[in-house]
Amino acid sequence: MQENFYKMGKYIFLMTALLLLNFITMGQDVNRLEFSERTNSMILIGPCNRDAFAMPEFQEWFDTNYENYNPKPSIIDDLKSLSLENVSLKIVLGTWCSDSKLQVPEFYRIMDEIGFPDDQVTLLMVNRDKKIPELDIEDLTIERVPTFIFYKTGSDRSKKEIGRIIETPKRSLEEDLLDILH
């Protein structure tokens, strides 16, 4: 009898955990497509991951700009020599924006060449008003896209913003990145 009670308790626990997990993941729309009347096209909105750029609506411009970008090898070598474990990044962009379509693939080319992990990058896709419905990003103070925001995590686990690249780099993406991280 006690053995059946124990098995039933494990079963109830497992079912409750699965149900809870289902509710949690239902609220997380990642790589969400939305039709934009302002651009008359599909755009990405909200939190995304790099897989979003493999969608047919975005793959051509992403792949083309990624492949065509040739970062300066000497700057790439300098970036590779930096310790980047405690660095994270938020990229706020619009898939409707020409600067985002150019700068973000080029930036990923640099990240790949220096071995910067995708799990240290947060992608936030905004609409033409630079907003995300159901997500407050006012504290990021986004005026133009793309905006690359770099953070460093301290020994006390607090994150501090250490720099931004807004819309277009001052010199080049890799040189501006080196200036921020050096």
Foldseek 3Di string as FASTA:
>chain_A
DVVVVVVVVVVVVVVVVVVVVVVVVVPDDELDWDQDPVLRGIKGAFWYAPCNCVPPVRVPLLVVLLVPDDDDPVLLVVLLPADCPQKAKEWEAISSDPLCSNPVSVVVSSCVSSVPDRVRYIYGYADPVSDGPPDDPVVVVADAPGKMWMWGQDPVRDIDTQDIAGSAHPPHPSVVVSVSRD
